[in-house]
């Protein structure tokens, strides 16, 4: 994990992800796509109930070990979280970006992270 915080944040799904098959028949699928060149006061997104992102979670870091075909399904930016700064025990307050991801394993199973 990279975030270790006693928080209960909502999961956010920006409209750019709304056309993915995963979101079919959900409120996310009904989000209007952003119009290029049109400025809006706030981005169009679906926001889940609080508590979907809980105590510990990872960031989707491209470190050379991501599974083939891994795609992002959401994007949630959170400020002022207890953030792991090294490989084990040094924490500081920072910002983090959570992505729910999906890929198909060699066994054909769908794997969520």
PDB file of N, CA and C in Angstrom:
ATOM      1  N   UNK A   1       0.839  -1.188   0.000  1.00  0.00           N
ATOM      2  CA  UNK A   1       0.000   0.000   0.000  1.00  0.00           C
ATOM      3  C   UNK A   1       0.879   1.244   0.000  1.00  0.00           C
ATOM      4  N   UNK A   2       0.313   2.332  -0.508  1.00  0.00           N
ATOM      5  CA  UNK A   2       1.027   3.609  -0.464  1.00  0.00           C
ATOM      6  C   UNK A   2       0.310   4.618   0.417  1.00  0.00           C
ATOM      7  N   UNK A   3      -0.985   4.400   0.659  1.00  0.00           N
ATOM      8  CA  UNK A   3      -1.755   5.295   1.526  1.00  0.00           C
ATOM      9  C   UNK A   3      -2.198   4.523   2.748  1.00  0.00           C
ATOM     10  N   UNK A   4      -1.940   5.100   3.907  1.00  0.00           N
ATOM     11  CA  UNK A   4      -2.286   4.485   5.184  1.00  0.00           C
ATOM     12  C   UNK A   4      -2.969   5.560   6.016  1.00  0.00           C
ATOM     13  N   UNK A   5      -4.288   5.621   5.938  1.00  0.00           N
ATOM     14  CA  UNK A   5      -4.978   6.728   6.586  1.00  0.00           C
ATOM     15  C   UNK A   5      -6.318   6.277   7.149  1.00  0.00           C
ATOM     16  N   UNK A   6      -6.666   6.792   8.295  1.00  0.00           N
ATOM     17  CA  UNK A   6      -7.987   6.543   8.866  1.00  0.00           C
ATOM     18  C   UNK A   6      -8.962   7.507   8.198  1.00  0.00           C
ATOM     19  N   UNK A   7      -9.369   7.165   6.987  1.00  0.00           N
ATOM     20  CA  UNK A   7     -10.258   8.019   6.201  1.00  0.00           C
ATOM     21  C   UNK A   7     -11.338   7.156   5.581  1.00  0.00           C
ATOM     22  N   UNK A   8     -12.361   7.794   5.112  1.00  0.00           N
ATOM     23  CA  UNK A   8     -13.425   7.110   4.385  1.00  0.00           C
ATOM     24  C   UNK A   8     -13.802   7.981   3.206  1.00  0.00           C
ATOM     25  N   UNK A   9     -12.997   7.915   2.146  1.00  0.00           N
ATOM     26  CA  UNK A   9     -13.208   8.755   0.973  1.00  0.00           C
ATOM     27  C   UNK A   9     -14.104   8.066  -0.046  1.00  0.00           C
ATOM     28  N   UNK A  10     -14.697   8.873  -0.903  1.00  0.00           N
ATOM     29  CA  UNK A  10     -15.524   8.362  -1.996  1.00  0.00           C
ATOM     30  C   UNK A  10     -14.641   7.998  -3.182  1.00  0.00           C
ATOM     31  N   UNK A  11     -15.102   7.058  -3.992  1.00  0.00           N
ATOM     32  CA  UNK A  11     -14.454   6.714  -5.259  1.00  0.00           C
ATOM     33  C   UNK A  11     -15.033   7.645  -6.316  1.00  0.00           C
ATOM     34  N   UNK A  12     -14.184   8.228  -7.149  1.00  0.00           N
ATOM     35  CA  UNK A  12     -14.647   9.135  -8.195  1.00  0.00           C
ATOM     36  C   UNK A  12     -14.357   8.539  -9.568  1.00  0.00           C
ATOM     37  N   UNK A  13     -15.351   8.657 -10.454  1.00  0.00           N
ATOM     38  CA  UNK A  13     -15.205   8.160 -11.825  1.00  0.00           C
ATOM     39  C   UNK A  13     -15.482   9.322 -12.773  1.00  0.00           C
ATOM     40  N   UNK A  14     -14.436   9.938 -13.336  1.00  0.00           N
ATOM     41  CA  UNK A  14     -14.643  11.010 -14.304  1.00  0.00           C
ATOM     42  C   UNK A  14     -15.352  10.499 -15.562  1.00  0.00           C
ATOM     43  N   UNK A  15     -16.063  11.390 -16.223  1.00  0.00           N
ATOM     44  CA  UNK A  15     -16.846  11.025 -17.407  1.00  0.00           C
ATOM     45  C   UNK A  15     -16.005  10.373 -18.501  1.00  0.00           C
ATOM     46  N   UNK A  16     -14.730  10.658 -18.558  1.00  0.00           N
ATOM     47  CA  UNK A  16     -13.874  10.072 -19.592  1.00  0.00           C
ATOM     48  C   UNK A  16     -13.868   8.543 -19.524  1.00  0.00           C
ATOM     49  N   UNK A  17     -14.173   7.966 -18.343  1.00  0.00           N
ATOM     50  CA  UNK A  17     -14.230   6.509 -18.191  1.00  0.00           C
ATOM     51  C   UNK A  17     -15.627   5.947 -18.433  1.00  0.00           C
ATOM     52  N   UNK A  18     -16.614   6.778 -18.637  1.00  0.00           N
ATOM     53  CA  UNK A  18     -18.015   6.347 -18.647  1.00  0.00           C
ATOM     54  C   UNK A  18     -18.390   5.431 -19.811  1.00  0.00           C
ATOM     55  N   UNK A  19     -17.638   5.431 -20.886  1.00  0.00           N
ATOM     56  CA  UNK A  19     -17.987   4.594 -22.040  1.00  0.00           C
ATOM     57  C   UNK A  19     -17.336   3.210 -21.996  1.00  0.00           C
ATOM     58  N   UNK A  20     -16.569   2.934 -20.960  1.00  0.00           N
ATOM     59  CA  UNK A  20     -15.989   1.597 -20.819  1.00  0.00           C
ATOM     60  C   UNK A  20     -17.094   0.578 -20.555  1.00  0.00           C
ATOM     61  N   UNK A  21     -16.990  -0.583 -21.154  1.00  0.00           N
ATOM     62  CA  UNK A  21     -18.012  -1.622 -21.005  1.00  0.00           C
ATOM     63  C   UNK A  21     -18.276  -1.966 -19.539  1.00  0.00           C
ATOM     64  N   UNK A  22     -17.264  -1.884 -18.720  1.00  0.00           N
ATOM     65  CA  UNK A  22     -17.392  -2.193 -17.297  1.00  0.00           C
ATOM     66  C   UNK A  22     -18.521  -1.398 -16.647  1.00  0.00           C
ATOM     67  N   UNK A  23     -18.721  -0.152 -17.068  1.00  0.00           N
ATOM     68  CA  UNK A  23     -19.699   0.729 -16.436  1.00  0.00           C
ATOM     69  C   UNK A  23     -21.089   0.626 -17.055  1.00  0.00           C
ATOM     70  N   UNK A  24     -21.281  -0.235 -18.059  1.00  0.00           N
ATOM     71  CA  UNK A  24     -22.588  -0.374 -18.706  1.00  0.00           C
ATOM     72  C   UNK A  24     -23.675  -0.660 -17.666  1.00  0.00           C
ATOM     73  N   UNK A  25     -24.833  -0.067 -17.848  1.00  0.00           N
ATOM     74  CA  UNK A  25     -26.007  -0.248 -16.979  1.00  0.00           C
ATOM     75  C   UNK A  25     -25.775   0.261 -15.551  1.00  0.00           C
ATOM     76  N   UNK A  26     -24.915   1.249 -15.410  1.00  0.00           N
ATOM     77  CA  UNK A  26     -24.679   1.889 -14.104  1.00  0.00           C
ATOM     78  C   UNK A  26     -24.897   3.395 -14.268  1.00  0.00           C
ATOM     79  N   UNK A  27     -25.010   4.128 -13.178  1.00  0.00           N
ATOM     80  CA  UNK A  27     -25.125   5.588 -13.282  1.00  0.00           C
ATOM     81  C   UNK A  27     -23.918   6.236 -13.973  1.00  0.00           C
ATOM     82  N   UNK A  28     -22.781   5.603 -13.919  1.00  0.00           N
ATOM     83  CA  UNK A  28     -21.572   6.145 -14.577  1.00  0.00           C
ATOM     84  C   UNK A  28     -21.786   6.232 -16.086  1.00  0.00           C
ATOM     85  N   UNK A  29     -22.433   5.235 -16.670  1.00  0.00           N
ATOM     86  CA  UNK A  29     -22.640   5.198 -18.123  1.00  0.00           C
ATOM     87  C   UNK A  29     -23.461   6.373 -18.625  1.00  0.00           C
ATOM     88  N   UNK A  30     -24.263   6.981 -17.772  1.00  0.00           N
ATOM     89  CA  UNK A  30     -25.116   8.101 -18.170  1.00  0.00           C
ATOM     90  C   UNK A  30     -24.403   9.448 -18.120  1.00  0.00           C
ATOM     91  N   UNK A  31     -23.166   9.478 -17.661  1.00  0.00           N
ATOM     92  CA  UNK A  31     -22.442  10.755 -17.588  1.00  0.00           C
ATOM     93  C   UNK A  31     -22.199  11.311 -18.984  1.00  0.00           C
ATOM     94  N   UNK A  32     -22.426  12.608 -19.176  1.00  0.00           N
ATOM     95  CA  UNK A  32     -22.125  13.190 -20.484  1.00  0.00           C
ATOM     96  C   UNK A  32     -20.615  13.332 -20.665  1.00  0.00           C
ATOM     97  N   UNK A  33     -20.155  13.048 -21.861  1.00  0.00           N
ATOM     98  CA  UNK A  33     -18.736  13.205 -22.151  1.00  0.00           C
ATOM     99  C   UNK A  33     -18.371  14.685 -22.206  1.00  0.00           C
ATOM    100  N   UNK A  34     -17.164  15.037 -21.769  1.00  0.00           N
ATOM    101  CA  UNK A  34     -16.746  16.441 -21.853  1.00  0.00           C
ATOM    102  C   UNK A  34     -16.614  16.879 -23.308  1.00  0.00           C
ATOM    103  N   UNK A  35     -16.936  18.138 -23.567  1.00  0.00           N
ATOM    104  CA  UNK A  35     -16.828  18.699 -24.911  1.00  0.00           C
ATOM    105  C   UNK A  35     -15.488  19.407 -25.029  1.00  0.00           C
ATOM    106  N   UNK A  36     -14.713  19.043 -26.054  1.00  0.00           N
ATOM    107  CA  UNK A  36     -13.387  19.648 -26.245  1.00  0.00           C
ATOM    108  C   UNK A  36     -13.513  21.157 -26.401  1.00  0.00           C
ATOM    109  N   UNK A  37     -12.685  21.891 -25.673  1.00  0.00           N
ATOM    110  CA  UNK A  37     -12.646  23.341 -25.778  1.00  0.00           C
ATOM    111  C   UNK A  37     -13.684  24.061 -24.939  1.00  0.00           C
ATOM    112  N   UNK A  38     -14.596  23.315 -24.300  1.00  0.00           N
ATOM    113  CA  UNK A  38     -15.622  23.938 -23.473  1.00  0.00           C
ATOM    114  C   UNK A  38     -15.190  23.886 -22.016  1.00  0.00           C
ATOM    115  N   UNK A  39     -14.987  25.051 -21.431  1.00  0.00           N
ATOM    116  CA  UNK A  39     -14.565  25.110 -20.026  1.00  0.00           C
ATOM    117  C   UNK A  39     -15.776  24.925 -19.119  1.00  0.00           C
ATOM    118  N   UNK A  40     -15.611  24.109 -18.083  1.00  0.00           N
ATOM    119  CA  UNK A  40     -16.679  23.927 -17.100  1.00  0.00           C
ATOM    120  C   UNK A  40     -16.135  24.281 -15.730  1.00  0.00           C
ATOM    121  N   UNK A  41     -17.034  24.656 -14.832  1.00  0.00           N
ATOM    122  CA  UNK A  41     -16.598  25.044 -13.492  1.00  0.00           C
ATOM    123  C   UNK A  41     -16.128  23.845 -12.681  1.00  0.00           C
ATOM    124  N   UNK A  42     -16.681  22.673 -12.958  1.00  0.00           N
ATOM    125  CA  UNK A  42     -16.235  21.459 -12.272  1.00  0.00           C
ATOM    126  C   UNK A  42     -16.334  20.292 -13.250  1.00  0.00           C
ATOM    127  N   UNK A  43     -15.407  19.359 -13.170  1.00  0.00           N
ATOM    128  CA  UNK A  43     -15.436  18.229 -14.093  1.00  0.00           C
ATOM    129  C   UNK A  43     -16.654  17.335 -13.836  1.00  0.00           C
ATOM    130  N   UNK A  44     -17.187  16.760 -14.903  1.00  0.00           N
ATOM    131  CA  UNK A  44     -18.312  15.842 -14.779  1.00  0.00           C
ATOM    132  C   UNK A  44     -17.771  14.515 -14.292  1.00  0.00           C
ATOM    133  N   UNK A  45     -18.359  14.001 -13.207  1.00  0.00           N
ATOM    134  CA  UNK A  45     -17.877  12.750 -12.647  1.00  0.00           C
ATOM    135  C   UNK A  45     -18.952  12.121 -11.771  1.00  0.00           C
ATOM    136  N   UNK A  46     -18.836  10.821 -11.562  1.00  0.00           N
ATOM    137  CA  UNK A  46     -19.683  10.100 -10.619  1.00  0.00           C
ATOM    138  C   UNK A  46     -18.902  10.024  -9.304  1.00  0.00           C
ATOM    139  N   UNK A  47     -19.582  10.259  -8.194  1.00  0.00           N
ATOM    140  CA  UNK A  47     -18.955  10.176  -6.878  1.00  0.00           C
ATOM    141  C   UNK A  47     -19.731   9.154  -6.057  1.00  0.00           C
ATOM    142  N   UNK A  48     -19.044   8.109  -5.608  1.00  0.00           N
ATOM    143  CA  UNK A  48     -19.685   7.055  -4.817  1.00  0.00           C
ATOM    144  C   UNK A  48     -19.968   7.546  -3.404  1.00  0.00           C
ATOM    145  N   UNK A  49     -20.582   6.688  -2.620  1.00  0.00           N
ATOM    146  CA  UNK A  49     -20.747   6.973  -1.196  1.00  0.00           C
ATOM    147  C   UNK A  49     -19.377   7.021  -0.530  1.00  0.00           C
ATOM    148  N   UNK A  50     -19.279   7.785   0.537  1.00  0.00           N
ATOM    149  CA  UNK A  50     -18.026   7.821   1.294  1.00  0.00           C
ATOM    150  C   UNK A  50     -17.759   6.447   1.903  1.00  0.00           C
ATOM    151  N   UNK A  51     -16.489   6.115   2.011  1.00  0.00           N
ATOM    152  CA  UNK A  51     -16.100   4.852   2.624  1.00  0.00           C
ATOM    153  C   UNK A  51     -15.668   3.788   1.637  1.00  0.00           C
ATOM    154  N   UNK A  52     -15.824   4.045   0.339  1.00  0.00           N
ATOM    155  CA  UNK A  52     -15.372   3.061  -0.649  1.00  0.00           C
ATOM    156  C   UNK A  52     -13.850   2.950  -0.613  1.00  0.00           C
ATOM    157  N   UNK A  53     -13.177   4.080  -0.501  1.00  0.00           N
ATOM    158  CA  UNK A  53     -11.726   4.065  -0.274  1.00  0.00           C
ATOM    159  C   UNK A  53     -11.517   4.139   1.228  1.00  0.00           C
ATOM    160  N   UNK A  54     -10.955   3.121   1.766  1.00  0.00           N
ATOM    161  CA  UNK A  54     -10.848   3.034   3.213  1.00  0.00           C
ATOM    162  C   UNK A  54      -9.454   3.266   3.747  1.00  0.00           C
ATOM    163  N   UNK A  55      -9.065   2.447   4.700  1.00  0.00           N
ATOM    164  CA  UNK A  55      -7.864   2.643   5.502  1.00  0.00           C
ATOM    165  C   UNK A  55      -6.565   2.570   4.700  1.00  0.00           C
ATOM    166  N   UNK A  56      -6.354   1.512   3.925  1.00  0.00           N
ATOM    167  CA  UNK A  56      -5.120   1.351   3.145  1.00  0.00           C
ATOM    168  C   UNK A  56      -5.471   1.132   1.681  1.00  0.00           C
ATOM    169  N   UNK A  57      -4.729   1.789   0.784  1.00  0.00           N
ATOM    170  CA  UNK A  57      -4.903   1.532  -0.643  1.00  0.00           C
ATOM    171  C   UNK A  57      -3.642   1.883  -1.407  1.00  0.00           C
ATOM    172  N   UNK A  58      -3.562   1.337  -2.614  1.00  0.00           N
ATOM    173  CA  UNK A  58      -2.401   1.516  -3.479  1.00  0.00           C
ATOM    174  C   UNK A  58      -2.686   2.534  -4.567  1.00  0.00           C
ATOM    175  N   UNK A  59      -1.617   3.028  -5.135  1.00  0.00           N
ATOM    176  CA  UNK A  59      -1.710   3.820  -6.351  1.00  0.00           C
ATOM    177  C   UNK A  59      -1.341   2.900  -7.514  1.00  0.00           C
ATOM    178  N   UNK A  60      -1.854   3.206  -8.693  1.00  0.00           N
ATOM    179  CA  UNK A  60      -1.514   2.441  -9.894  1.00  0.00           C
ATOM    180  C   UNK A  60      -0.247   3.057 -10.492  1.00  0.00           C
ATOM    181  N   UNK A  61       0.884   2.626  -9.996  1.00  0.00           N
ATOM    182  CA  UNK A  61       2.175   3.181 -10.405  1.00  0.00           C
ATOM    183  C   UNK A  61       2.752   2.340 -11.540  1.00  0.00           C
ATOM    184  N   UNK A  62       3.142   2.996 -12.620  1.00  0.00           N
ATOM    185  CA  UNK A  62       3.755   2.268 -13.739  1.00  0.00           C
ATOM    186  C   UNK A  62       5.231   2.055 -13.406  1.00  0.00           C
ATOM    187  N   UNK A  63       5.504   0.924 -12.732  1.00  0.00           N
ATOM    188  CA  UNK A  63       6.858   0.627 -12.269  1.00  0.00           C
ATOM    189  C   UNK A  63       7.512  -0.513 -13.049  1.00  0.00           C
ATOM    190  N   UNK A  64       6.933  -0.857 -14.186  1.00  0.00           N
ATOM    191  CA  UNK A  64       7.479  -1.933 -15.002  1.00  0.00           C
ATOM    192  C   UNK A  64       6.938  -3.311 -14.657  1.00  0.00           C
ATOM    193  N   UNK A  65       6.079  -3.401 -13.660  1.00  0.00           N
ATOM    194  CA  UNK A  65       5.539  -4.693 -13.240  1.00  0.00           C
ATOM    195  C   UNK A  65       4.020  -4.754 -13.349  1.00  0.00           C
ATOM    196  N   UNK A  66       3.423  -3.878 -14.125  1.00  0.00           N
ATOM    197  CA  UNK A  66       1.968  -3.892 -14.308  1.00  0.00           C
ATOM    198  C   UNK A  66       1.593  -5.040 -15.243  1.00  0.00           C
ATOM    199  N   UNK A  67       0.470  -5.701 -14.990  1.00  0.00           N
ATOM    200  CA  UNK A  67       0.034  -6.799 -15.862  1.00  0.00           C
ATOM    201  C   UNK A  67      -0.302  -6.288 -17.267  1.00  0.00           C
ATOM    202  N   UNK A  68      -0.093  -7.112 -18.257  1.00  0.00           N
ATOM    203  CA  UNK A  68      -0.438  -6.757 -19.633  1.00  0.00           C
ATOM    204  C   UNK A  68      -1.942  -6.521 -19.719  1.00  0.00           C
ATOM    205  N   UNK A  69      -2.346  -5.476 -20.437  1.00  0.00           N
ATOM    206  CA  UNK A  69      -3.755  -5.187 -20.628  1.00  0.00           C
ATOM    207  C   UNK A  69      -4.426  -4.482 -19.467  1.00  0.00           C
ATOM    208  N   UNK A  70      -3.664  -4.073 -18.464  1.00  0.00           N
ATOM    209  CA  UNK A  70      -4.226  -3.393 -17.301  1.00  0.00           C
ATOM    210  C   UNK A  70      -4.820  -2.051 -17.730  1.00  0.00           C
ATOM    211  N   UNK A  71      -6.101  -1.807 -17.390  1.00  0.00           N
ATOM    212  CA  UNK A  71      -6.735  -0.533 -17.730  1.00  0.00           C
ATOM    213  C   UNK A  71      -7.259   0.137 -16.462  1.00  0.00           C
ATOM    214  N   UNK A  72      -7.343   1.445 -16.505  1.00  0.00           N
ATOM    215  CA  UNK A  72      -7.883   2.213 -15.387  1.00  0.00           C
ATOM    216  C   UNK A  72      -9.382   2.414 -15.589  1.00  0.00           C
ATOM    217  N   UNK A  73     -10.126   2.307 -14.480  1.00  0.00           N
ATOM    218  CA  UNK A  73     -11.579   2.453 -14.511  1.00  0.00           C
ATOM    219  C   UNK A  73     -12.062   3.682 -13.746  1.00  0.00           C
ATOM    220  N   UNK A  74     -11.182   4.290 -12.956  1.00  0.00           N
ATOM    221  CA  UNK A  74     -11.570   5.452 -12.156  1.00  0.00           C
ATOM    222  C   UNK A  74     -10.336   6.283 -11.836  1.00  0.00           C
ATOM    223  N   UNK A  75     -10.591   7.461 -11.248  1.00  0.00           N
ATOM    224  CA  UNK A  75      -9.485   8.324 -10.816  1.00  0.00           C
ATOM    225  C   UNK A  75      -9.977   9.162  -9.642  1.00  0.00           C
ATOM    226  N   UNK A  76      -9.329   9.003  -8.489  1.00  0.00           N
ATOM    227  CA  UNK A  76      -9.685   9.758  -7.296  1.00  0.00           C
ATOM    228  C   UNK A  76      -8.427  10.375  -6.718  1.00  0.00           C
ATOM    229  N   UNK A  77      -8.375  11.696  -6.691  1.00  0.00           N
ATOM    230  CA  UNK A  77      -7.229  12.394  -6.099  1.00  0.00           C
ATOM    231  C   UNK A  77      -7.588  12.796  -4.672  1.00  0.00           C
ATOM    232  N   UNK A  78      -6.690  12.474  -3.743  1.00  0.00           N
ATOM    233  CA  UNK A  78      -6.933  12.751  -2.331  1.00  0.00           C
ATOM    234  C   UNK A  78      -5.727  13.491  -1.760  1.00  0.00           C
ATOM    235  N   UNK A  79      -5.992  14.604  -1.102  1.00  0.00           N
ATOM    236  CA  UNK A  79      -4.940  15.399  -0.465  1.00  0.00           C
ATOM    237  C   UNK A  79      -4.886  15.112   1.028  1.00  0.00           C
ATOM    238  N   UNK A  80      -3.768  15.419   1.628  1.00  0.00           N
ATOM    239  CA  UNK A  80      -3.562  15.321   3.082  1.00  0.00           C
ATOM    240  C   UNK A  80      -3.797  13.910   3.615  1.00  0.00           C
ATOM    241  N   UNK A  81      -3.140  12.942   2.976  1.00  0.00           N
ATOM    242  CA  UNK A  81      -3.222  11.566   3.455  1.00  0.00           C
ATOM    243  C   UNK A  81      -1.865  11.144   4.013  1.00  0.00           C
ATOM    244  N   UNK A  82      -1.880  10.148   4.875  1.00  0.00           N
ATOM    245  CA  UNK A  82      -0.640   9.578   5.384  1.00  0.00           C
ATOM    246  C   UNK A  82      -0.068   8.724   4.264  1.00  0.00           C
ATOM    247  N   UNK A  83       1.052   9.132   3.691  1.00  0.00           N
ATOM    248  CA  UNK A  83       1.611   8.566   2.468  1.00  0.00           C
ATOM    249  C   UNK A  83       2.945   7.876   2.757  1.00  0.00           C
ATOM    250  N   UNK A  84       3.112   6.656   2.264  1.00  0.00           N
ATOM    251  CA  UNK A  84       4.354   5.906   2.442  1.00  0.00           C
ATOM    252  C   UNK A  84       5.432   6.522   1.549  1.00  0.00           C
ATOM    253  N   UNK A  85       6.514   6.961   2.153  1.00  0.00           N
ATOM    254  CA  UNK A  85       7.555   7.691   1.433  1.00  0.00           C
ATOM    255  C   UNK A  85       8.725   6.817   0.995  1.00  0.00           C
ATOM    256  N   UNK A  86       8.834   5.594   1.539  1.00  0.00           N
ATOM    257  CA  UNK A  86       9.949   4.717   1.185  1.00  0.00           C
ATOM    258  C   UNK A  86       9.414   3.297   0.988  1.00  0.00           C
ATOM    259  N   UNK A  87      10.213   2.307   1.273  1.00  0.00           N
ATOM    260  CA  UNK A  87       9.821   0.917   1.074  1.00  0.00           C
ATOM    261  C   UNK A  87       9.427   0.215   2.358  1.00  0.00           C
ATOM    262  N   UNK A  88       8.936   0.964   3.343  1.00  0.00           N
ATOM    263  CA  UNK A  88       8.572   0.236   4.538  1.00  0.00           C
ATOM    264  C   UNK A  88       8.024   0.982   5.715  1.00  0.00           C
ATOM    265  N   UNK A  89       8.624   2.079   6.148  1.00  0.00           N
ATOM    266  CA  UNK A  89       8.164   2.618   7.407  1.00  0.00           C
ATOM    267  C   UNK A  89       8.177   4.116   7.568  1.00  0.00           C
ATOM    268  N   UNK A  90       8.474   4.879   6.530  1.00  0.00           N
ATOM    269  CA  UNK A  90       8.520   6.323   6.658  1.00  0.00           C
ATOM    270  C   UNK A  90       7.279   6.920   6.010  1.00  0.00           C
ATOM    271  N   UNK A  91       6.462   7.573   6.829  1.00  0.00           N
ATOM    272  CA  UNK A  91       5.237   8.187   6.340  1.00  0.00           C
ATOM    273  C   UNK A  91       5.320   9.695   6.481  1.00  0.00           C
ATOM    274  N   UNK A  92       4.614  10.388   5.607  1.00  0.00           N
ATOM    275  CA  UNK A  92       4.479  11.830   5.686  1.00  0.00           C
ATOM    276  C   UNK A  92       3.115  12.176   5.097  1.00  0.00           C
ATOM    277  N   UNK A  93       2.681  13.398   5.282  1.00  0.00           N
ATOM    278  CA  UNK A  93       1.422  13.835   4.703  1.00  0.00           C
ATOM    279  C   UNK A  93       1.680  14.208   3.254  1.00  0.00           C
ATOM    280  N   UNK A  94       0.822  13.732   2.366  1.00  0.00           N
ATOM    281  CA  UNK A  94       1.001  14.021   0.958  1.00  0.00           C
ATOM    282  C   UNK A  94      -0.295  13.849   0.193  1.00  0.00           C
ATOM    283  N   UNK A  95      -0.189  13.894  -1.117  1.00  0.00           N
ATOM    284  CA  UNK A  95      -1.321  13.694  -2.007  1.00  0.00           C
ATOM    285  C   UNK A  95      -1.144  12.367  -2.724  1.00  0.00           C
ATOM    286  N   UNK A  96      -2.270  11.729  -3.042  1.00  0.00           N
ATOM    287  CA  UNK A  96      -2.225  10.442  -3.729  1.00  0.00           C
ATOM    288  C   UNK A  96      -3.360  10.367  -4.742  1.00  0.00           C
ATOM    289  N   UNK A  97      -3.182   9.519  -5.725  1.00  0.00           N
ATOM    290  CA  UNK A  97      -4.191   9.337  -6.756  1.00  0.00           C
ATOM    291  C   UNK A  97      -4.526   7.850  -6.861  1.00  0.00           C
ATOM    292  N   UNK A  98      -5.762   7.497  -6.537  1.00  0.00           N
ATOM    293  CA  UNK A  98      -6.219   6.107  -6.604  1.00  0.00           C
ATOM    294  C   UNK A  98      -6.872   5.852  -7.957  1.00  0.00           C
ATOM    295  N   UNK A  99      -6.564   4.711  -8.561  1.00  0.00           N
ATOM    296  CA  UNK A  99      -7.231   4.255  -9.778  1.00  0.00           C
ATOM    297  C   UNK A  99      -7.727   2.843  -9.539  1.00  0.00           C
ATOM    298  N   UNK A 100      -9.012   2.595  -9.790  1.00  0.00           N
ATOM    299  CA  UNK A 100      -9.484   1.222  -9.818  1.00  0.00           C
ATOM    300  C   UNK A 100      -9.044   0.668 -11.171  1.00  0.00           C
ATOM    301  N   UNK A 101      -8.459  -0.541 -11.175  1.00  0.00           N
ATOM    302  CA  UNK A 101      -7.943  -1.111 -12.419  1.00  0.00           C
ATOM    303  C   UNK A 101      -8.537  -2.489 -12.680  1.00  0.00           C
ATOM    304  N   UNK A 102      -8.400  -2.927 -13.922  1.00  0.00           N
ATOM    305  CA  UNK A 102      -8.929  -4.210 -14.357  1.00  0.00           C
ATOM    306  C   UNK A 102      -7.999  -4.799 -15.414  1.00  0.00           C
ATOM    307  N   UNK A 103      -7.769  -6.105 -15.326  1.00  0.00           N
ATOM    308  CA  UNK A 103      -7.060  -6.801 -16.398  1.00  0.00           C
ATOM    309  C   UNK A 103      -7.532  -8.248 -16.440  1.00  0.00           C
ATOM    310  N   UNK A 104      -7.269  -8.912 -17.556  1.00  0.00           N
ATOM    311  CA  UNK A 104      -7.614 -10.320 -17.706  1.00  0.00           C
ATOM    312  C   UNK A 104      -6.350 -11.146 -17.495  1.00  0.00           C
ATOM    313  N   UNK A 105      -6.402 -12.045 -16.531  1.00  0.00           N
ATOM    314  CA  UNK A 105      -5.264 -12.924 -16.222  1.00  0.00           C
ATOM    315  C   UNK A 105      -5.135 -14.018 -17.285  1.00  0.00           C
ATOM    316  N   UNK A 106      -4.013 -14.703 -17.297  1.00  0.00           N
ATOM    317  CA  UNK A 106      -3.799 -15.777 -18.271  1.00  0.00           C
ATOM    318  C   UNK A 106      -4.818 -16.906 -18.108  1.00  0.00           C
ATOM    319  N   UNK A 107      -5.439 -17.008 -16.931  1.00  0.00           N
ATOM    320  CA  UNK A 107      -6.479 -18.015 -16.686  1.00  0.00           C
ATOM    321  C   UNK A 107      -7.836 -17.570 -17.230  1.00  0.00           C
ATOM    322  N   UNK A 108      -7.909 -16.358 -17.801  1.00  0.00           N
ATOM    323  CA  UNK A 108      -9.125 -15.713 -18.321  1.00  0.00           C
ATOM    324  C   UNK A 108      -9.960 -15.055 -17.233  1.00  0.00           C
ATOM    325  N   UNK A 109      -9.496 -15.096 -15.995  1.00  0.00           N
ATOM    326  CA  UNK A 109     -10.219 -14.429 -14.904  1.00  0.00           C
ATOM    327  C   UNK A 109     -10.026 -12.922 -15.020  1.00  0.00           C
ATOM    328  N   UNK A 110     -11.076 -12.166 -14.699  1.00  0.00           N
ATOM    329  CA  UNK A 110     -10.957 -10.709 -14.614  1.00  0.00           C
ATOM    330  C   UNK A 110     -10.462 -10.372 -13.211  1.00  0.00           C
ATOM    331  N   UNK A 111      -9.427  -9.540 -13.140  1.00  0.00           N
ATOM    332  CA  UNK A 111      -8.807  -9.199 -11.872  1.00  0.00           C
ATOM    333  C   UNK A 111      -8.948  -7.695 -11.641  1.00  0.00           C
ATOM    334  N   UNK A 112      -9.534  -7.324 -10.496  1.00  0.00           N
ATOM    335  CA  UNK A 112      -9.704  -5.928 -10.111  1.00  0.00           C
ATOM    336  C   UNK A 112      -8.667  -5.570  -9.060  1.00  0.00           C
ATOM    337  N   UNK A 113      -8.247  -4.345  -9.100  1.00  0.00           N
ATOM    338  CA  UNK A 113      -7.359  -3.834  -8.062  1.00  0.00           C
ATOM    339  C   UNK A 113      -7.837  -2.448  -7.679  1.00  0.00           C
TER     340      UNK A 113
END
